[in-house]
Amino acid sequence: MFSQKIKQLRKENNLTQSELADKLNCSLSKIGMWETNKREPTKDDLIMLANAFDISVDYLLGLEDKKHTKNKRLQNIDSISAHRIGKIEKLSDEALDQLDDYIKYLELKYKK
């Protein structure tokens, strides 16, 4: 359960609710509501927490047991993807084709 995970992570990192709120630049009440299961985190909240604690979003959600299943580079890609997915969905077909072409270009350019 998310509420238990967030409290556990906060305590493992020797943070008070207030200190965690400062670290995340959010309100103390938001942290308290997460920990008492009175409020669910948003997608952006999950990404922010995962980055702050250097863990995966899947771990926060209880979908995996290991805290660190991905390297930092892949976590950053996941963060970028999560932030951009809504914008990508709104693109026109032409823009999506251009995006696909650009990705193919980058794959060829940086092929190892």
PDB file of N, CA and C in Angstrom:
ATOM      1  N   MET A   1       0.840  -1.179   0.000  1.00  0.00           N
ATOM      2  CA  MET A   1       0.000   0.000   0.000  1.00  0.00           C
ATOM      3  C   MET A   1       0.891   1.250   0.000  1.00  0.00           C
ATOM      4  N   PHE A   2       0.505   2.219  -0.823  1.00  0.00           N
ATOM      5  CA  PHE A   2       1.303   3.429  -0.985  1.00  0.00           C
ATOM      6  C   PHE A   2       1.532   4.152   0.335  1.00  0.00           C
ATOM      7  N   SER A   3       0.489   4.273   1.143  1.00  0.00           N
ATOM      8  CA  SER A   3       0.618   5.038   2.393  1.00  0.00           C
ATOM      9  C   SER A   3       1.708   4.463   3.293  1.00  0.00           C
ATOM     10  N   GLN A   4       1.803   3.159   3.339  1.00  0.00           N
ATOM     11  CA  GLN A   4       2.835   2.515   4.157  1.00  0.00           C
ATOM     12  C   GLN A   4       4.224   2.700   3.547  1.00  0.00           C
ATOM     13  N   LYS A   5       4.298   2.606   2.221  1.00  0.00           N
ATOM     14  CA  LYS A   5       5.593   2.764   1.539  1.00  0.00           C
ATOM     15  C   LYS A   5       6.172   4.154   1.765  1.00  0.00           C
ATOM     16  N   ILE A   6       5.344   5.169   1.605  1.00  0.00           N
ATOM     17  CA  ILE A   6       5.848   6.533   1.717  1.00  0.00           C
ATOM     18  C   ILE A   6       6.315   6.818   3.138  1.00  0.00           C
ATOM     19  N   LYS A   7       5.578   6.322   4.116  1.00  0.00           N
ATOM     20  CA  LYS A   7       5.980   6.517   5.513  1.00  0.00           C
ATOM     21  C   LYS A   7       7.282   5.773   5.797  1.00  0.00           C
ATOM     22  N   GLN A   8       7.385   4.548   5.305  1.00  0.00           N
ATOM     23  CA  GLN A   8       8.594   3.746   5.487  1.00  0.00           C
ATOM     24  C   GLN A   8       9.806   4.433   4.853  1.00  0.00           C
ATOM     25  N   LEU A   9       9.645   4.906   3.632  1.00  0.00           N
ATOM     26  CA  LEU A   9      10.748   5.582   2.943  1.00  0.00           C
ATOM     27  C   LEU A   9      11.168   6.850   3.673  1.00  0.00           C
ATOM     28  N   ARG A  10      10.183   7.590   4.144  1.00  0.00           N
ATOM     29  CA  ARG A  10      10.491   8.825   4.869  1.00  0.00           C
ATOM     30  C   ARG A  10      11.305   8.518   6.117  1.00  0.00           C
ATOM     31  N   LYS A  11      10.879   7.505   6.858  1.00  0.00           N
ATOM     32  CA  LYS A  11      11.584   7.147   8.094  1.00  0.00           C
ATOM     33  C   LYS A  11      12.967   6.564   7.808  1.00  0.00           C
ATOM     34  N   GLU A  12      13.091   5.746   6.759  1.00  0.00           N
ATOM     35  CA  GLU A  12      14.392   5.188   6.383  1.00  0.00           C
ATOM     36  C   GLU A  12      15.394   6.284   6.049  1.00  0.00           C
ATOM     37  N   ASN A  13      14.886   7.391   5.545  1.00  0.00           N
ATOM     38  CA  ASN A  13      15.741   8.519   5.179  1.00  0.00           C
ATOM     39  C   ASN A  13      15.820   9.566   6.284  1.00  0.00           C
ATOM     40  N   ASN A  14      15.344   9.196   7.471  1.00  0.00           N
ATOM     41  CA  ASN A  14      15.395  10.073   8.645  1.00  0.00           C
ATOM     42  C   ASN A  14      14.809  11.457   8.372  1.00  0.00           C
ATOM     43  N   LEU A  15      13.646  11.463   7.743  1.00  0.00           N
ATOM     44  CA  LEU A  15      12.974  12.717   7.431  1.00  0.00           C
ATOM     45  C   LEU A  15      11.673  12.820   8.216  1.00  0.00           C
ATOM     46  N   THR A  16      11.379  14.010   8.679  1.00  0.00           N
ATOM     47  CA  THR A  16      10.058  14.269   9.245  1.00  0.00           C
ATOM     48  C   THR A  16       9.111  14.548   8.077  1.00  0.00           C
ATOM     49  N   GLN A  17       7.830  14.573   8.352  1.00  0.00           N
ATOM     50  CA  GLN A  17       6.886  14.925   7.294  1.00  0.00           C
ATOM     51  C   GLN A  17       7.186  16.321   6.756  1.00  0.00           C
ATOM     52  N   SER A  18       7.526  17.216   7.651  1.00  0.00           N
ATOM     53  CA  SER A  18       7.837  18.589   7.259  1.00  0.00           C
ATOM     54  C   SER A  18       9.073  18.652   6.361  1.00  0.00           C
ATOM     55  N   GLU A  19      10.091  17.888   6.714  1.00  0.00           N
ATOM     56  CA  GLU A  19      11.318  17.871   5.905  1.00  0.00           C
ATOM     57  C   GLU A  19      11.058  17.281   4.525  1.00  0.00           C
ATOM     58  N   LEU A  20      10.233  16.236   4.473  1.00  0.00           N
ATOM     59  CA  LEU A  20       9.897  15.647   3.174  1.00  0.00           C
ATOM     60  C   LEU A  20       9.098  16.633   2.332  1.00  0.00           C
ATOM     61  N   ALA A  21       8.170  17.327   2.961  1.00  0.00           N
ATOM     62  CA  ALA A  21       7.386  18.335   2.243  1.00  0.00           C
ATOM     63  C   ALA A  21       8.303  19.409   1.665  1.00  0.00           C
ATOM     64  N   ASP A  22       9.285  19.854   2.440  1.00  0.00           N
ATOM     65  CA  ASP A  22      10.245  20.850   1.950  1.00  0.00           C
ATOM     66  C   ASP A  22      11.056  20.298   0.785  1.00  0.00           C
ATOM     67  N   LYS A  23      11.499  19.055   0.921  1.00  0.00           N
ATOM     68  CA  LYS A  23      12.309  18.419  -0.126  1.00  0.00           C
ATOM     69  C   LYS A  23      11.526  18.305  -1.439  1.00  0.00           C
ATOM     70  N   LEU A  24      10.235  18.024  -1.327  1.00  0.00           N
ATOM     71  CA  LEU A  24       9.394  17.852  -2.510  1.00  0.00           C
ATOM     72  C   LEU A  24       8.718  19.142  -2.958  1.00  0.00           C
ATOM     73  N   ASN A  25       8.902  20.191  -2.166  1.00  0.00           N
ATOM     74  CA  ASN A  25       8.263  21.475  -2.445  1.00  0.00           C
ATOM     75  C   ASN A  25       6.736  21.322  -2.524  1.00  0.00           C
ATOM     76  N   CYS A  26       6.194  20.635  -1.519  1.00  0.00           N
ATOM     77  CA  CYS A  26       4.746  20.468  -1.440  1.00  0.00           C
ATOM     78  C   CYS A  26       4.303  20.733  -0.005  1.00  0.00           C
ATOM     79  N   SER A  27       3.024  20.649   0.235  1.00  0.00           N
ATOM     80  CA  SER A  27       2.510  20.980   1.568  1.00  0.00           C
ATOM     81  C   SER A  27       2.668  19.820   2.548  1.00  0.00           C
ATOM     82  N   LEU A  28       2.784  20.179   3.800  1.00  0.00           N
ATOM     83  CA  LEU A  28       2.857  19.195   4.876  1.00  0.00           C
ATOM     84  C   LEU A  28       1.574  18.368   4.921  1.00  0.00           C
ATOM     85  N   SER A  29       0.443  19.012   4.678  1.00  0.00           N
ATOM     86  CA  SER A  29      -0.835  18.286   4.724  1.00  0.00           C
ATOM     87  C   SER A  29      -0.910  17.216   3.635  1.00  0.00           C
ATOM     88  N   LYS A  30      -0.298  17.481   2.486  1.00  0.00           N
ATOM     89  CA  LYS A  30      -0.284  16.491   1.407  1.00  0.00           C
ATOM     90  C   LYS A  30       0.458  15.234   1.853  1.00  0.00           C
ATOM     91  N   ILE A  31       1.595  15.410   2.500  1.00  0.00           N
ATOM     92  CA  ILE A  31       2.370  14.270   3.000  1.00  0.00           C
ATOM     93  C   ILE A  31       1.540  13.502   4.023  1.00  0.00           C
ATOM     94  N   GLY A  32       0.928  14.231   4.947  1.00  0.00           N
ATOM     95  CA  GLY A  32       0.098  13.604   5.974  1.00  0.00           C
ATOM     96  C   GLY A  32      -1.066  12.823   5.384  1.00  0.00           C
ATOM     97  N   MET A  33      -1.701  13.385   4.373  1.00  0.00           N
ATOM     98  CA  MET A  33      -2.826  12.694   3.743  1.00  0.00           C
ATOM     99  C   MET A  33      -2.375  11.444   2.988  1.00  0.00           C
ATOM    100  N   TRP A  34      -1.188  11.512   2.362  1.00  0.00           N
ATOM    101  CA  TRP A  34      -0.644  10.311   1.709  1.00  0.00           C
ATOM    102  C   TRP A  34      -0.429   9.211   2.740  1.00  0.00           C
ATOM    103  N   GLU A  35       0.186   9.584   3.858  1.00  0.00           N
ATOM    104  CA  GLU A  35       0.553   8.585   4.860  1.00  0.00           C
ATOM    105  C   GLU A  35      -0.654   8.006   5.599  1.00  0.00           C
ATOM    106  N   THR A  36      -1.751   8.720   5.618  1.00  0.00           N
ATOM    107  CA  THR A  36      -2.958   8.208   6.277  1.00  0.00           C
ATOM    108  C   THR A  36      -3.976   7.686   5.263  1.00  0.00           C
ATOM    109  N   ASN A  37      -3.538   7.584   4.025  1.00  0.00           N
ATOM    110  CA  ASN A  37      -4.356   7.031   2.943  1.00  0.00           C
ATOM    111  C   ASN A  37      -5.632   7.837   2.692  1.00  0.00           C
ATOM    112  N   LYS A  38      -5.551   9.149   2.910  1.00  0.00           N
ATOM    113  CA  LYS A  38      -6.695  10.026   2.670  1.00  0.00           C
ATOM    114  C   LYS A  38      -6.599  10.718   1.317  1.00  0.00           C
ATOM    115  N   ARG A  39      -5.453  10.566   0.673  1.00  0.00           N
ATOM    116  CA  ARG A  39      -5.249  11.195  -0.628  1.00  0.00           C
ATOM    117  C   ARG A  39      -4.312  10.322  -1.442  1.00  0.00           C
ATOM    118  N   GLU A  40      -4.640  10.158  -2.722  1.00  0.00           N
ATOM    119  CA  GLU A  40      -3.795   9.397  -3.631  1.00  0.00           C
ATOM    120  C   GLU A  40      -2.835  10.358  -4.346  1.00  0.00           C
ATOM    121  N   PRO A  41      -1.626   9.910  -4.621  1.00  0.00           N
ATOM    122  CA  PRO A  41      -0.683  10.767  -5.339  1.00  0.00           C
ATOM    123  C   PRO A  41      -1.051  10.867  -6.813  1.00  0.00           C
ATOM    124  N   THR A  42      -0.730  11.992  -7.403  1.00  0.00           N
ATOM    125  CA  THR A  42      -0.905  12.142  -8.846  1.00  0.00           C
ATOM    126  C   THR A  42       0.275  11.478  -9.548  1.00  0.00           C
ATOM    127  N   LYS A  43       0.183  11.382 -10.849  1.00  0.00           N
ATOM    128  CA  LYS A  43       1.289  10.836 -11.644  1.00  0.00           C
ATOM    129  C   LYS A  43       2.554  11.653 -11.396  1.00  0.00           C
ATOM    130  N   ASP A  44       2.418  12.962 -11.390  1.00  0.00           N
ATOM    131  CA  ASP A  44       3.579  13.824 -11.156  1.00  0.00           C
ATOM    132  C   ASP A  44       4.134  13.648  -9.744  1.00  0.00           C
ATOM    133  N   ASP A  45       3.237  13.452  -8.773  1.00  0.00           N
ATOM    134  CA  ASP A  45       3.688  13.203  -7.396  1.00  0.00           C
ATOM    135  C   ASP A  45       4.528  11.933  -7.332  1.00  0.00           C
ATOM    136  N   LEU A  46       4.067  10.884  -8.005  1.00  0.00           N
ATOM    137  CA  LEU A  46       4.794   9.607  -7.994  1.00  0.00           C
ATOM    138  C   LEU A  46       6.189   9.759  -8.596  1.00  0.00           C
ATOM    139  N   ILE A  47       6.268  10.484  -9.680  1.00  0.00           N
ATOM    140  CA  ILE A  47       7.564  10.702 -10.331  1.00  0.00           C
ATOM    141  C   ILE A  47       8.480  11.502  -9.419  1.00  0.00           C
ATOM    142  N   MET A  48       7.934  12.538  -8.806  1.00  0.00           N
ATOM    143  CA  MET A  48       8.702  13.377  -7.893  1.00  0.00           C
ATOM    144  C   MET A  48       9.228  12.547  -6.713  1.00  0.00           C
ATOM    145  N   LEU A  49       8.388  11.704  -6.147  1.00  0.00           N
ATOM    146  CA  LEU A  49       8.793  10.848  -5.028  1.00  0.00           C
ATOM    147  C   LEU A  49       9.844   9.829  -5.457  1.00  0.00           C
ATOM    148  N   ALA A  50       9.632   9.217  -6.604  1.00  0.00           N
ATOM    149  CA  ALA A  50      10.593   8.225  -7.098  1.00  0.00           C
ATOM    150  C   ALA A  50      11.962   8.861  -7.294  1.00  0.00           C
ATOM    151  N   ASN A  51      11.986  10.043  -7.857  1.00  0.00           N
ATOM    152  CA  ASN A  51      13.261  10.736  -8.058  1.00  0.00           C
ATOM    153  C   ASN A  51      13.885  11.155  -6.735  1.00  0.00           C
ATOM    154  N   ALA A  52      13.071  11.626  -5.807  1.00  0.00           N
ATOM    155  CA  ALA A  52      13.588  12.086  -4.513  1.00  0.00           C
ATOM    156  C   ALA A  52      14.211  10.947  -3.717  1.00  0.00           C
ATOM    157  N   PHE A  53      13.603   9.765  -3.792  1.00  0.00           N
ATOM    158  CA  PHE A  53      14.103   8.620  -3.028  1.00  0.00           C
ATOM    159  C   PHE A  53      14.962   7.673  -3.870  1.00  0.00           C
ATOM    160  N   ASP A  54      15.156   8.010  -5.151  1.00  0.00           N
ATOM    161  CA  ASP A  54      15.952   7.189  -6.071  1.00  0.00           C
ATOM    162  C   ASP A  54      15.417   5.757  -6.130  1.00  0.00           C
ATOM    163  N   ILE A  55      14.120   5.663  -6.360  1.00  0.00           N
ATOM    164  CA  ILE A  55      13.449   4.369  -6.467  1.00  0.00           C
ATOM    165  C   ILE A  55      12.548   4.390  -7.694  1.00  0.00           C
ATOM    166  N   SER A  56      11.973   3.255  -8.022  1.00  0.00           N
ATOM    167  CA  SER A  56      11.060   3.205  -9.161  1.00  0.00           C
ATOM    168  C   SER A  56       9.632   3.523  -8.713  1.00  0.00           C
ATOM    169  N   VAL A  57       8.845   4.020  -9.641  1.00  0.00           N
ATOM    170  CA  VAL A  57       7.435   4.269  -9.371  1.00  0.00           C
ATOM    171  C   VAL A  57       6.738   2.939  -9.073  1.00  0.00           C
ATOM    172  N   ASP A  58       7.140   1.885  -9.766  1.00  0.00           N
ATOM    173  CA  ASP A  58       6.552   0.565  -9.518  1.00  0.00           C
ATOM    174  C   ASP A  58       6.752   0.131  -8.069  1.00  0.00           C
ATOM    175  N   TYR A  59       7.904   0.428  -7.497  1.00  0.00           N
ATOM    176  CA  TYR A  59       8.137   0.097  -6.090  1.00  0.00           C
ATOM    177  C   TYR A  59       7.172   0.880  -5.198  1.00  0.00           C
ATOM    178  N   LEU A  60       7.008   2.151  -5.486  1.00  0.00           N
ATOM    179  CA  LEU A  60       6.081   2.976  -4.701  1.00  0.00           C
ATOM    180  C   LEU A  60       4.660   2.429  -4.740  1.00  0.00           C
ATOM    181  N   LEU A  61       4.277   1.913  -5.890  1.00  0.00           N
ATOM    182  CA  LEU A  61       2.920   1.411  -6.063  1.00  0.00           C
ATOM    183  C   LEU A  61       2.756  -0.032  -5.604  1.00  0.00           C
ATOM    184  N   GLY A  62       3.851  -0.644  -5.157  1.00  0.00           N
ATOM    185  CA  GLY A  62       3.780  -2.024  -4.688  1.00  0.00           C
ATOM    186  C   GLY A  62       3.766  -3.050  -5.800  1.00  0.00           C
ATOM    187  N   LEU A  63       4.173  -2.644  -7.001  1.00  0.00           N
ATOM    188  CA  LEU A  63       4.183  -3.559  -8.138  1.00  0.00           C
ATOM    189  C   LEU A  63       5.467  -4.369  -8.231  1.00  0.00           C
ATOM    190  N   GLU A  64       6.467  -3.963  -7.485  1.00  0.00           N
ATOM    191  CA  GLU A  64       7.717  -4.719  -7.410  1.00  0.00           C
ATOM    192  C   GLU A  64       8.291  -4.585  -6.014  1.00  0.00           C
ATOM    193  N   ASP A  65       9.107  -5.558  -5.649  1.00  0.00           N
ATOM    194  CA  ASP A  65       9.669  -5.590  -4.298  1.00  0.00           C
ATOM    195  C   ASP A  65      10.999  -4.875  -4.181  1.00  0.00           C
ATOM    196  N   LYS A  66      11.731  -4.800  -5.274  1.00  0.00           N
ATOM    197  CA  LYS A  66      13.055  -4.183  -5.243  1.00  0.00           C
ATOM    198  C   LYS A  66      12.931  -2.683  -5.447  1.00  0.00           C
ATOM    199  N   LYS A  67      13.668  -1.944  -4.626  1.00  0.00           N
ATOM    200  CA  LYS A  67      13.629  -0.483  -4.742  1.00  0.00           C
ATOM    201  C   LYS A  67      14.305   0.001  -6.016  1.00  0.00           C
ATOM    202  N   HIS A  68      15.435  -0.607  -6.347  1.00  0.00           N
ATOM    203  CA  HIS A  68      16.250  -0.117  -7.459  1.00  0.00           C
ATOM    204  C   HIS A  68      16.316  -1.182  -8.545  1.00  0.00           C
ATOM    205  N   THR A  69      15.366  -1.147  -9.439  1.00  0.00           N
ATOM    206  CA  THR A  69      15.370  -2.134 -10.507  1.00  0.00           C
ATOM    207  C   THR A  69      15.899  -1.566 -11.812  1.00  0.00           C
ATOM    208  N   LYS A  70      15.992  -0.275 -11.899  1.00  0.00           N
ATOM    209  CA  LYS A  70      16.461   0.352 -13.125  1.00  0.00           C
ATOM    210  C   LYS A  70      17.633   1.254 -12.801  1.00  0.00           C
ATOM    211  N   ASN A  71      18.464   1.442 -13.792  1.00  0.00           N
ATOM    212  CA  ASN A  71      19.534   2.400 -13.555  1.00  0.00           C
ATOM    213  C   ASN A  71      18.976   3.816 -13.678  1.00  0.00           C
ATOM    214  N   LYS A  72      19.725   4.770 -13.205  1.00  0.00           N
ATOM    215  CA  LYS A  72      19.264   6.161 -13.144  1.00  0.00           C
ATOM    216  C   LYS A  72      18.881   6.695 -14.528  1.00  0.00           C
ATOM    217  N   ARG A  73      19.617   6.300 -15.541  1.00  0.00           N
ATOM    218  CA  ARG A  73      19.335   6.789 -16.893  1.00  0.00           C
ATOM    219  C   ARG A  73      17.943   6.344 -17.344  1.00  0.00           C
ATOM    220  N   LEU A  74      17.608   5.093 -17.084  1.00  0.00           N
ATOM    221  CA  LEU A  74      16.291   4.603 -17.471  1.00  0.00           C
ATOM    222  C   LEU A  74      15.190   5.259 -16.652  1.00  0.00           C
ATOM    223  N   GLN A  75      15.458   5.540 -15.381  1.00  0.00           N
ATOM    224  CA  GLN A  75      14.463   6.246 -14.568  1.00  0.00           C
ATOM    225  C   GLN A  75      14.211   7.636 -15.136  1.00  0.00           C
ATOM    226  N   ASN A  76      15.266   8.295 -15.588  1.00  0.00           N
ATOM    227  CA  ASN A  76      15.099   9.621 -16.176  1.00  0.00           C
ATOM    228  C   ASN A  76      14.260   9.547 -17.445  1.00  0.00           C
ATOM    229  N   ILE A  77      14.484   8.504 -18.244  1.00  0.00           N
ATOM    230  CA  ILE A  77      13.691   8.326 -19.457  1.00  0.00           C
ATOM    231  C   ILE A  77      12.229   8.121 -19.091  1.00  0.00           C
ATOM    232  N   ASP A  78      11.976   7.310 -18.065  1.00  0.00           N
ATOM    233  CA  ASP A  78      10.599   7.097 -17.611  1.00  0.00           C
ATOM    234  C   ASP A  78       9.967   8.407 -17.161  1.00  0.00           C
ATOM    235  N   SER A  79      10.728   9.223 -16.459  1.00  0.00           N
ATOM    236  CA  SER A  79      10.206  10.508 -15.988  1.00  0.00           C
ATOM    237  C   SER A  79       9.857  11.413 -17.156  1.00  0.00           C
ATOM    238  N   ILE A  80      10.749  11.472 -18.132  1.00  0.00           N
ATOM    239  CA  ILE A  80      10.492  12.289 -19.321  1.00  0.00           C
ATOM    240  C   ILE A  80       9.252  11.776 -20.034  1.00  0.00           C
ATOM    241  N   SER A  81       9.170  10.465 -20.196  1.00  0.00           N
ATOM    242  CA  SER A  81       8.029   9.868 -20.887  1.00  0.00           C
ATOM    243  C   SER A  81       6.724  10.191 -20.182  1.00  0.00           C
ATOM    244  N   ALA A  82       6.711  10.047 -18.877  1.00  0.00           N
ATOM    245  CA  ALA A  82       5.486  10.294 -18.121  1.00  0.00           C
ATOM    246  C   ALA A  82       5.044  11.750 -18.239  1.00  0.00           C
ATOM    247  N   HIS A  83       5.992  12.661 -18.255  1.00  0.00           N
ATOM    248  CA  HIS A  83       5.649  14.081 -18.377  1.00  0.00           C
ATOM    249  C   HIS A  83       5.165  14.425 -19.782  1.00  0.00           C
ATOM    250  N   ARG A  84       5.670  13.732 -20.783  1.00  0.00           N
ATOM    251  CA  ARG A  84       5.370  14.069 -22.171  1.00  0.00           C
ATOM    252  C   ARG A  84       4.197  13.303 -22.771  1.00  0.00           C
ATOM    253  N   ILE A  85       3.806  12.200 -22.166  1.00  0.00           N
ATOM    254  CA  ILE A  85       2.812  11.332 -22.791  1.00  0.00           C
ATOM    255  C   ILE A  85       1.514  12.063 -23.099  1.00  0.00           C
ATOM    256  N   GLY A  86       1.066  12.909 -22.203  1.00  0.00           N
ATOM    257  CA  GLY A  86      -0.164  13.660 -22.446  1.00  0.00           C
ATOM    258  C   GLY A  86      -0.038  14.601 -23.626  1.00  0.00           C
ATOM    259  N   LYS A  87       1.130  15.207 -23.763  1.00  0.00           N
ATOM    260  CA  LYS A  87       1.356  16.123 -24.881  1.00  0.00           C
ATOM    261  C   LYS A  87       1.455  15.362 -26.195  1.00  0.00           C
ATOM    262  N   ILE A  88       2.090  14.201 -26.162  1.00  0.00           N
ATOM    263  CA  ILE A  88       2.249  13.398 -27.373  1.00  0.00           C
ATOM    264  C   ILE A  88       0.888  12.939 -27.884  1.00  0.00           C
ATOM    265  N   GLU A  89       0.008  12.565 -26.965  1.00  0.00           N
ATOM    266  CA  GLU A  89      -1.321  12.095 -27.357  1.00  0.00           C
ATOM    267  C   GLU A  89      -2.120  13.169 -28.088  1.00  0.00           C
ATOM    268  N   LYS A  90      -1.795  14.429 -27.877  1.00  0.00           N
ATOM    269  CA  LYS A  90      -2.534  15.531 -28.492  1.00  0.00           C
ATOM    270  C   LYS A  90      -1.973  15.938 -29.857  1.00  0.00           C
ATOM    271  N   LEU A  91      -0.842  15.353 -30.251  1.00  0.00           N
ATOM    272  CA  LEU A  91      -0.223  15.728 -31.518  1.00  0.00           C
ATOM    273  C   LEU A  91      -1.042  15.243 -32.709  1.00  0.00           C
ATOM    274  N   SER A  92      -0.928  15.977 -33.801  1.00  0.00           N
ATOM    275  CA  SER A  92      -1.591  15.564 -35.040  1.00  0.00           C
ATOM    276  C   SER A  92      -0.876  14.346 -35.614  1.00  0.00           C
ATOM    277  N   ASP A  93      -1.522  13.688 -36.573  1.00  0.00           N
ATOM    278  CA  ASP A  93      -0.900  12.527 -37.218  1.00  0.00           C
ATOM    279  C   ASP A  93       0.414  12.916 -37.893  1.00  0.00           C
ATOM    280  N   GLU A  94       0.422  14.077 -38.508  1.00  0.00           N
ATOM    281  CA  GLU A  94       1.645  14.546 -39.175  1.00  0.00           C
ATOM    282  C   GLU A  94       2.773  14.752 -38.161  1.00  0.00           C
ATOM    283  N   ALA A  95       2.450  15.359 -37.040  1.00  0.00           N
ATOM    284  CA  ALA A  95       3.462  15.584 -36.005  1.00  0.00           C
ATOM    285  C   ALA A  95       3.955  14.261 -35.430  1.00  0.00           C
ATOM    286  N   LEU A  96       3.051  13.294 -35.261  1.00  0.00           N
ATOM    287  CA  LEU A  96       3.459  11.974 -34.771  1.00  0.00           C
ATOM    288  C   LEU A  96       4.393  11.281 -35.757  1.00  0.00           C
ATOM    289  N   ASP A  97       4.112  11.435 -37.050  1.00  0.00           N
ATOM    290  CA  ASP A  97       5.002  10.868 -38.071  1.00  0.00           C
ATOM    291  C   ASP A  97       6.385  11.506 -37.996  1.00  0.00           C
ATOM    292  N   GLN A  98       6.428  12.816 -37.813  1.00  0.00           N
ATOM    293  CA  GLN A  98       7.708  13.511 -37.698  1.00  0.00           C
ATOM    294  C   GLN A  98       8.459  13.067 -36.451  1.00  0.00           C
ATOM    295  N   LEU A  99       7.744  12.892 -35.365  1.00  0.00           N
ATOM    296  CA  LEU A  99       8.364  12.424 -34.128  1.00  0.00           C
ATOM    297  C   LEU A  99       8.942  11.028 -34.321  1.00  0.00           C
ATOM    298  N   ASP A 100       8.193  10.159 -34.969  1.00  0.00           N
ATOM    299  CA  ASP A 100       8.667   8.803 -35.243  1.00  0.00           C
ATOM    300  C   ASP A 100       9.921   8.844 -36.122  1.00  0.00           C
ATOM    301  N   ASP A 101       9.917   9.696 -37.143  1.00  0.00           N
ATOM    302  CA  ASP A 101      11.093   9.835 -38.011  1.00  0.00           C
ATOM    303  C   ASP A 101      12.304  10.325 -37.218  1.00  0.00           C
ATOM    304  N   TYR A 102      12.081  11.257 -36.323  1.00  0.00           N
ATOM    305  CA  TYR A 102      13.186  11.792 -35.528  1.00  0.00           C
ATOM    306  C   TYR A 102      13.763  10.726 -34.600  1.00  0.00           C
ATOM    307  N   ILE A 103      12.901   9.927 -34.016  1.00  0.00           N
ATOM    308  CA  ILE A 103      13.378   8.841 -33.150  1.00  0.00           C
ATOM    309  C   ILE A 103      14.209   7.856 -33.961  1.00  0.00           C
ATOM    310  N   LYS A 104      13.744   7.526 -35.160  1.00  0.00           N
ATOM    311  CA  LYS A 104      14.515   6.617 -36.028  1.00  0.00           C
ATOM    312  C   LYS A 104      15.872   7.233 -36.376  1.00  0.00           C
ATOM    313  N   TYR A 105      15.873   8.527 -36.647  1.00  0.00           N
ATOM    314  CA  TYR A 105      17.124   9.230 -36.939  1.00  0.00           C
ATOM    315  C   TYR A 105      18.094   9.124 -35.764  1.00  0.00           C
ATOM    316  N   LEU A 106      17.602   9.379 -34.555  1.00  0.00           N
ATOM    317  CA  LEU A 106      18.457   9.294 -33.364  1.00  0.00           C
ATOM    318  C   LEU A 106      18.978   7.879 -33.144  1.00  0.00           C
ATOM    319  N   GLU A 107      18.135   6.891 -33.415  1.00  0.00           N
ATOM    320  CA  GLU A 107      18.572   5.498 -33.268  1.00  0.00           C
ATOM    321  C   GLU A 107      19.724   5.188 -34.210  1.00  0.00           C
ATOM    322  N   LEU A 108      19.620   5.667 -35.431  1.00  0.00           N
ATOM    323  CA  LEU A 108      20.698   5.439 -36.402  1.00  0.00           C
ATOM    324  C   LEU A 108      21.954   6.224 -36.045  1.00  0.00           C
ATOM    325  N   LYS A 109      21.771   7.456 -35.643  1.00  0.00           N
ATOM    326  CA  LYS A 109      22.905   8.317 -35.325  1.00  0.00           C
ATOM    327  C   LYS A 109      23.706   7.794 -34.140  1.00  0.00           C
ATOM    328  N   TYR A 110      23.020   7.289 -33.130  1.00  0.00           N
ATOM    329  CA  TYR A 110      23.704   6.870 -31.906  1.00  0.00           C
ATOM    330  C   TYR A 110      23.745   5.353 -31.741  1.00  0.00           C
ATOM    331  N   LYS A 111      23.587   4.659 -32.844  1.00  0.00           N
ATOM    332  CA  LYS A 111      23.629   3.194 -32.810  1.00  0.00           C
ATOM    333  C   LYS A 111      24.983   2.734 -32.301  1.00  0.00           C
ATOM    334  N   LYS A 112      24.952   1.810 -31.360  1.00  0.00           N
ATOM    335  CA  LYS A 112      26.204   1.315 -30.771  1.00  0.00           C
ATOM    336  C   LYS A 112      26.576  -0.018 -31.347  1.00  0.00           C
TER     337      LYS A 112
END
